[in-house]
Amino acid sequence: MARPIDPAYPVNQSFGGYATRGVVGRLNGTELEYLVALYGDYQAYGHAGADIACPIGTPVYAMLDGEVVYAGWGEDLPGNESWGPAGYFQRWGLYKNFPGIVTVIKHPQFSPPRYSIYGHQSSNDEAPVGTQVSAGQVIGKSGNTKTRTEYVGPHLHVAMLTDPVNYSTGNGLIFGCADPVPYFSIGSQIEGFLMALNDKQQAIVLAAAERIVNALDRPHAKALTTDDDHLNAVASRVTDWVLNTPIPRYGKGAELGPNTSVGAMVSWHDSSTLDVIATVAATAANDGATVEEIKAAVAESMRDNVVKVDVNVQSAE
């Protein structure tokens, strides 16, 4: 996994925010009312991606390995204006008159395939249609394009289409898109989470996670290694999940929750907390594992210790 824009530029409009349904547009109103006045009811159920404000020309990176299936102007996207196979479903749910220069990458490693979308670029000549890209490869440059003659504020819009069949809304999806942030690499707010551990702590986390993975005994299970790329990928998902999943800290009554800072977590590196983090790391390496399987694997790895952690394996798309 890789962050689509340098972590120096944080997400400034999150997934699901700024729902426009029922909002009356007013140029002198709130920020949301102002946007509705400019663009209409353009995201009724909320933002179907994440926006990252950044200067025009900032390099844009592929989030995952895949194949570029579209690289051009939104105005040239296929399909009519119907919500179905003849219209929006032909163009990954995108408006024609809004994304500007846009890149769509197919990720066949998922079933069904998922598609990452990068909009409002100033150019995307680096990766034309048919290009096989790797996570972290430059695919274009950020911009402010809306159409060939209209513009938006400089930023990158990034989305992750996970339901390219029904384009459903609900259960964490908006028009088939899930929050793209869990697909990012280590962002500025969580940078270096595993890397911040000292050598002994990191060895404990990786060894515990490897024991849990091996205890799961699944065909696709894999032992964690000290390979930098793999560590970065695991670190990203560990931090995303731990930041958003309340996990009891053994015997202390404390909780790692959505408002827990990375700094606070790093200061909590006793052995029991490392076991919890290792559990999440193992889960990241075993997407198909059930909660029951993970609990059993944790119990096996800890042996005489009491398992007190619920791991929500569905917390990341």
Protein backbone atom coordinates (compact mmCIF):
# COMPACT_ATOMS: atom_id res chain seq x y z
CA MET A 1 0.00 0.00 0.00
CA ALA A 2 1.09 3.56 -0.57
CA ARG A 3 -0.26 6.99 0.25
CA PRO A 4 -1.47 8.74 -2.93
CA ILE A 5 0.01 12.09 -1.86
CA ASP A 6 3.01 12.94 0.31
CA PRO A 7 2.01 12.67 4.02
CA ALA A 8 2.95 16.33 4.46
CA TYR A 9 -0.53 17.00 3.06
CA PRO A 10 -3.29 15.62 5.34
CA VAL A 11 -6.82 14.63 4.33
CA ASN A 12 -8.95 17.77 4.47
CA GLN A 13 -12.34 16.28 3.55
CA SER A 14 -13.02 12.80 4.88
CA PHE A 15 -15.16 9.99 3.55
CA GLY A 16 -18.84 10.43 4.40
CA GLY A 17 -18.56 14.10 5.28
CA TYR A 18 -20.41 17.07 3.82
CA ALA A 19 -23.64 15.27 2.88
CA THR A 20 -25.56 17.66 0.61
CA ARG A 21 -29.04 16.07 0.66
CA GLY A 22 -31.57 18.62 1.91
CA VAL A 23 -29.03 21.45 2.11
CA VAL A 24 -30.11 24.74 0.53
CA GLY A 25 -27.31 26.45 -1.36
CA ARG A 26 -26.35 29.97 -0.28
CA LEU A 27 -23.28 31.84 -1.46
CA ASN A 28 -23.11 33.73 1.83
CA GLY A 29 -24.01 30.73 4.01
CA THR A 30 -21.95 28.01 5.67
CA GLU A 31 -19.14 26.30 3.81
CA LEU A 32 -21.46 23.42 2.90
CA GLU A 33 -24.22 25.78 1.78
CA TYR A 34 -21.66 27.63 -0.33
CA LEU A 35 -20.54 24.38 -1.99
CA VAL A 36 -24.14 23.40 -2.72
CA ALA A 37 -24.71 26.83 -4.26
CA LEU A 38 -21.75 26.19 -6.56
CA TYR A 39 -22.18 22.51 -7.38
CA GLY A 40 -25.73 21.51 -6.40
CA ASP A 41 -26.65 18.28 -4.58
CA TYR A 42 -23.43 16.63 -5.72
CA GLN A 43 -22.89 14.22 -2.81
CA ALA A 44 -26.27 13.47 -1.29
CA TYR A 45 -25.03 10.77 1.09
CA GLY A 46 -21.71 12.38 1.87
CA HIS A 47 -18.29 12.46 0.30
CA ALA A 48 -17.61 9.17 -1.50
CA GLY A 49 -13.85 9.52 -1.16
CA ALA A 50 -11.18 11.58 0.55
CA ASP A 51 -9.80 14.96 -0.51
CA ILE A 52 -6.17 15.91 0.07
CA ALA A 53 -5.41 19.60 -0.44
CA CYS A 54 -2.00 20.05 -2.03
CA PRO A 55 -0.24 22.35 -4.51
CA ILE A 56 -0.80 21.81 -8.22
CA GLY A 57 1.90 19.50 -9.57
CA THR A 58 2.31 17.40 -6.41
CA PRO A 59 3.18 13.81 -7.46
CA VAL A 60 0.28 11.34 -7.27
CA TYR A 61 1.07 7.72 -6.37
CA ALA A 62 -0.83 4.48 -6.97
CA MET A 63 -2.17 3.14 -3.68
CA LEU A 64 -1.97 -0.53 -4.70
CA ASP A 65 -0.61 -2.70 -7.49
CA GLY A 66 -2.90 -2.82 -10.48
CA GLU A 67 -3.64 -1.88 -14.08
CA VAL A 68 -4.64 1.57 -15.32
CA VAL A 69 -8.03 1.18 -17.03
CA TYR A 70 -8.77 4.88 -17.54
CA ALA A 71 -6.55 7.94 -17.79
CA GLY A 72 -8.12 11.03 -19.28
CA TRP A 73 -10.75 13.71 -18.88
CA GLY A 74 -13.93 12.99 -17.01
CA GLU A 75 -15.88 14.53 -19.87
CA ASP A 76 -14.70 11.66 -22.09
CA LEU A 77 -15.83 8.87 -19.73
CA PRO A 78 -18.19 6.29 -21.30
CA GLY A 79 -21.87 5.77 -20.61
CA ASN A 80 -25.06 7.82 -20.61
CA GLU A 81 -26.64 9.65 -17.66
CA SER A 82 -28.67 6.70 -16.35
CA TRP A 83 -27.89 5.06 -13.02
CA GLY A 84 -27.18 1.56 -14.28
CA PRO A 85 -25.13 -0.60 -16.65
CA ALA A 86 -25.62 1.75 -19.61
CA GLY A 87 -24.61 4.82 -17.65
CA TYR A 88 -22.71 5.40 -14.44
CA PHE A 89 -21.79 1.73 -14.02
CA GLN A 90 -19.73 1.98 -17.21
CA ARG A 91 -17.62 4.73 -15.68
CA TRP A 92 -17.08 3.56 -12.09
CA GLY A 93 -19.88 5.79 -10.75
CA LEU A 94 -18.16 9.01 -11.79
CA TYR A 95 -19.77 12.22 -12.94
CA LYS A 96 -18.51 13.33 -16.35
CA ASN A 97 -18.44 17.02 -15.47
CA PHE A 98 -16.58 16.93 -12.17
CA PRO A 99 -13.42 14.79 -11.83
CA GLY A 100 -11.34 16.67 -14.41
CA ILE A 101 -8.26 14.68 -15.36
CA VAL A 102 -8.83 11.34 -13.68
CA THR A 103 -7.06 8.00 -13.38
CA VAL A 104 -8.80 4.71 -12.56
CA ILE A 105 -6.72 1.68 -11.53
CA LYS A 106 -8.14 -1.86 -11.42
CA HIS A 107 -6.95 -4.09 -8.56
CA PRO A 108 -7.64 -7.71 -9.59
CA GLN A 109 -6.10 -9.07 -6.38
CA PHE A 110 -9.54 -8.53 -4.82
CA SER A 111 -12.72 -10.45 -5.67
CA PRO A 112 -14.60 -8.77 -7.18
CA PRO A 113 -11.86 -6.43 -8.42
CA ARG A 114 -11.65 -3.05 -6.72
CA TYR A 115 -10.86 0.25 -8.39
CA SER A 116 -8.92 3.20 -7.01
CA ILE A 117 -9.81 6.60 -8.46
CA TYR A 118 -7.64 9.75 -8.55
CA GLY A 119 -9.40 12.94 -9.64
CA HIS A 120 -8.72 16.63 -10.38
CA GLN A 121 -5.18 16.00 -11.62
CA SER A 122 -3.22 18.46 -13.74
CA SER A 123 -1.74 15.61 -15.81
CA ASN A 124 -1.57 11.83 -15.80
CA ASP A 125 0.70 11.14 -18.73
CA GLU A 126 3.01 9.05 -16.50
CA ALA A 127 0.58 6.10 -16.55
CA PRO A 128 -1.63 5.76 -19.66
CA VAL A 129 -4.30 3.09 -20.05
CA GLY A 130 -2.82 -0.40 -19.92
CA THR A 131 0.07 0.52 -17.62
CA GLN A 132 0.79 -2.08 -14.95
CA VAL A 133 1.60 -0.06 -11.85
CA SER A 134 3.05 -0.90 -8.46
CA ALA A 135 2.03 0.62 -5.17
CA GLY A 136 3.92 3.88 -4.76
CA GLN A 137 4.50 4.40 -8.48
CA VAL A 138 3.92 7.93 -9.79
CA ILE A 139 0.80 8.00 -11.98
CA GLY A 140 0.27 11.73 -12.38
CA LYS A 141 0.35 15.17 -10.80
CA SER A 142 -2.29 16.78 -8.61
CA GLY A 143 -4.25 19.71 -9.97
CA ASN A 144 -7.46 21.69 -9.88
CA THR A 145 -9.31 20.43 -12.97
CA LYS A 146 -13.10 19.98 -12.97
CA THR A 147 -13.73 20.11 -16.73
CA ARG A 148 -11.63 21.42 -19.60
CA THR A 149 -12.90 24.93 -18.82
CA GLU A 150 -13.81 24.82 -15.11
CA TYR A 151 -11.68 24.43 -12.01
CA VAL A 152 -11.85 23.51 -8.34
CA GLY A 153 -9.51 24.32 -5.47
CA PRO A 154 -6.17 22.49 -5.80
CA HIS A 155 -6.48 19.01 -4.30
CA LEU A 156 -6.51 15.31 -5.10
CA HIS A 157 -9.78 13.42 -4.82
CA VAL A 158 -9.14 9.74 -4.13
CA ALA A 159 -11.77 7.01 -3.92
CA MET A 160 -11.89 3.23 -3.59
CA LEU A 161 -14.71 1.46 -5.43
CA THR A 162 -15.28 -1.88 -3.68
CA ASP A 163 -18.75 -2.73 -5.06
CA PRO A 164 -18.45 -2.40 -8.85
CA VAL A 165 -21.51 -4.61 -9.33
CA ASN A 166 -24.39 -2.95 -7.46
CA TYR A 167 -22.82 0.40 -6.52
CA SER A 168 -24.66 0.13 -3.21
CA THR A 169 -25.01 2.71 -0.46
CA GLY A 170 -25.07 1.68 3.19
CA ASN A 171 -22.98 -0.56 5.43
CA GLY A 172 -19.99 1.74 5.04
CA LEU A 173 -20.39 2.29 1.30
CA ILE A 174 -21.47 5.34 -0.70
CA PHE A 175 -22.39 4.47 -4.29
CA GLY A 176 -20.16 1.41 -4.02
CA CYS A 177 -17.17 3.28 -2.61
CA ALA A 178 -15.54 2.60 0.75
CA ASP A 179 -13.36 4.91 2.81
CA PRO A 180 -10.03 4.91 0.93
CA VAL A 181 -7.94 5.90 3.95
CA PRO A 182 -7.38 2.30 5.20
CA TYR A 183 -5.72 1.67 1.84
CA PHE A 184 -3.19 4.43 2.45
CA SER A 185 0.30 3.72 3.63
CA ILE A 186 1.52 5.34 6.82
CA GLY A 187 0.04 8.85 6.94
CA SER A 188 1.57 11.81 8.72
CA GLN A 189 -0.59 11.25 11.80
CA ILE A 190 0.52 7.61 12.22
CA GLU A 191 3.90 7.70 10.55
CA GLY A 192 6.43 5.25 11.83
CA PHE A 193 4.14 3.41 14.29
CA LEU A 194 5.95 0.08 14.18
CA MET A 195 9.14 1.85 13.20
CA ALA A 196 8.91 3.81 16.47
CA LEU A 197 9.30 0.61 18.47
CA ASN A 198 12.74 -0.22 19.70
CA ASP A 199 14.39 -3.35 18.34
CA LYS A 200 13.24 -5.54 21.22
CA GLN A 201 9.61 -4.34 21.02
CA GLN A 202 9.51 -4.77 17.26
CA ALA A 203 10.92 -8.28 17.57
CA ILE A 204 8.23 -9.14 20.13
CA VAL A 205 5.45 -7.81 17.89
CA LEU A 206 6.70 -9.65 14.81
CA ALA A 207 7.37 -12.89 16.67
CA ALA A 208 3.94 -12.82 18.34
CA ALA A 209 2.23 -12.02 15.07
CA GLU A 210 4.09 -14.82 13.31
CA ARG A 211 2.99 -17.30 16.00
CA ILE A 212 -0.62 -16.18 15.59
CA VAL A 213 -0.45 -16.41 11.81
CA ASN A 214 1.04 -19.88 11.96
CA ALA A 215 -1.52 -20.99 14.55
CA LEU A 216 -4.28 -20.01 12.13
CA ASP A 217 -2.88 -22.61 9.70
CA ARG A 218 -4.72 -21.13 6.72
CA PRO A 219 -3.56 -21.83 3.15
CA HIS A 220 -2.82 -18.15 2.54
CA ALA A 221 -1.23 -17.51 5.94
CA LYS A 222 2.20 -16.00 5.76
CA ALA A 223 4.81 -15.28 8.40
CA LEU A 224 5.69 -11.66 8.94
CA THR A 225 9.21 -10.68 8.02
CA THR A 226 11.48 -7.71 8.55
CA ASP A 227 11.23 -6.78 4.87
CA ASP A 228 10.77 -2.99 4.79
CA ASP A 229 7.93 -2.97 2.27
CA HIS A 230 6.00 -5.61 4.17
CA LEU A 231 6.58 -3.86 7.48
CA ASN A 232 5.28 -0.60 6.03
CA ALA A 233 2.15 -2.31 4.74
CA VAL A 234 1.52 -4.05 8.05
CA ALA A 235 2.27 -0.88 10.00
CA SER A 236 -0.30 1.01 7.97
CA ARG A 237 -3.09 -1.45 8.64
CA VAL A 238 -2.11 -1.99 12.27
CA THR A 239 -2.29 1.72 12.97
CA ASP A 240 -5.52 2.22 11.01
CA TRP A 241 -7.21 -0.63 12.83
CA VAL A 242 -5.89 0.10 16.31
CA LEU A 243 -6.79 3.77 15.98
CA ASN A 244 -10.38 2.88 15.09
CA THR A 245 -11.02 -0.35 17.03
CA PRO A 246 -11.38 -0.16 20.85
CA ILE A 247 -9.09 -2.83 22.29
CA PRO A 248 -8.85 -3.45 26.07
CA ARG A 249 -5.40 -3.19 27.54
CA TYR A 250 -4.87 -6.31 29.63
CA GLY A 251 -5.25 -5.82 33.37
CA LYS A 252 -5.10 -2.04 33.24
CA GLY A 253 -8.66 -1.03 32.35
CA ALA A 254 -7.38 1.35 29.67
CA GLU A 255 -8.60 1.25 26.08
CA LEU A 256 -7.07 1.94 22.72
CA GLY A 257 -9.85 3.81 20.97
CA PRO A 258 -10.59 6.30 18.19
CA ASN A 259 -9.30 9.22 20.26
CA THR A 260 -6.10 7.55 21.39
CA SER A 261 -3.07 9.32 19.99
CA VAL A 262 -0.19 7.42 18.46
CA GLY A 263 2.07 9.00 21.05
CA ALA A 264 -0.08 7.58 23.82
CA MET A 265 -0.03 4.15 22.23
CA VAL A 266 3.73 4.19 21.83
CA SER A 267 4.04 5.00 25.54
CA TRP A 268 1.92 1.92 26.37
CA HIS A 269 4.33 -0.67 25.07
CA ASP A 270 4.21 -3.17 27.89
CA SER A 271 4.23 -6.82 26.88
CA SER A 272 0.44 -7.28 27.01
CA THR A 273 -0.23 -4.31 24.74
CA LEU A 274 2.34 -5.66 22.29
CA ASP A 275 0.36 -8.90 22.22
CA VAL A 276 -2.77 -6.95 21.25
CA ILE A 277 -0.91 -5.09 18.52
CA ALA A 278 0.53 -8.39 17.31
CA THR A 279 -3.00 -9.77 17.10
CA VAL A 280 -4.04 -6.93 14.83
CA ALA A 281 -0.87 -7.33 12.78
CA ALA A 282 -1.65 -11.02 12.35
CA THR A 283 -5.19 -10.16 11.30
CA ALA A 284 -3.82 -7.77 8.69
CA ALA A 285 -1.89 -10.68 7.23
CA ASN A 286 -4.95 -12.96 7.25
CA ASP A 287 -7.94 -11.13 5.79
CA GLY A 288 -10.02 -14.30 5.64
CA ALA A 289 -9.64 -15.26 9.29
CA THR A 290 -12.75 -15.16 11.48
CA VAL A 291 -12.91 -13.60 14.94
CA GLU A 292 -13.17 -17.07 16.46
CA GLU A 293 -10.12 -18.32 14.59
CA ILE A 294 -8.08 -15.32 15.64
CA LYS A 295 -9.11 -15.67 19.29
CA ALA A 296 -8.12 -19.34 19.20
CA ALA A 297 -4.80 -18.45 17.58
CA VAL A 298 -4.14 -15.76 20.17
CA ALA A 299 -4.98 -18.22 22.96
CA GLU A 300 -2.55 -20.71 21.44
CA SER A 301 0.19 -18.12 21.15
CA MET A 302 -0.30 -16.79 24.70
CA ARG A 303 -0.99 -20.22 26.24
CA ASP A 304 -1.51 -19.49 29.94
CA ASN A 305 -2.63 -15.89 29.57
CA VAL A 306 -6.30 -14.96 29.38
CA VAL A 307 -7.41 -13.65 26.00
CA LYS A 308 -9.42 -10.47 26.50
CA VAL A 309 -9.34 -8.93 23.07
CA ASP A 310 -12.05 -8.78 20.41
CA VAL A 311 -10.59 -8.23 16.97
CA ASN A 312 -13.10 -6.88 14.46
CA VAL A 313 -11.76 -8.41 11.27
CA GLN A 314 -14.35 -6.53 9.25
CA SER A 315 -13.13 -3.10 10.38
CA ALA A 316 -11.11 -2.56 7.19
CA GLU A 317 -12.44 -3.09 3.70
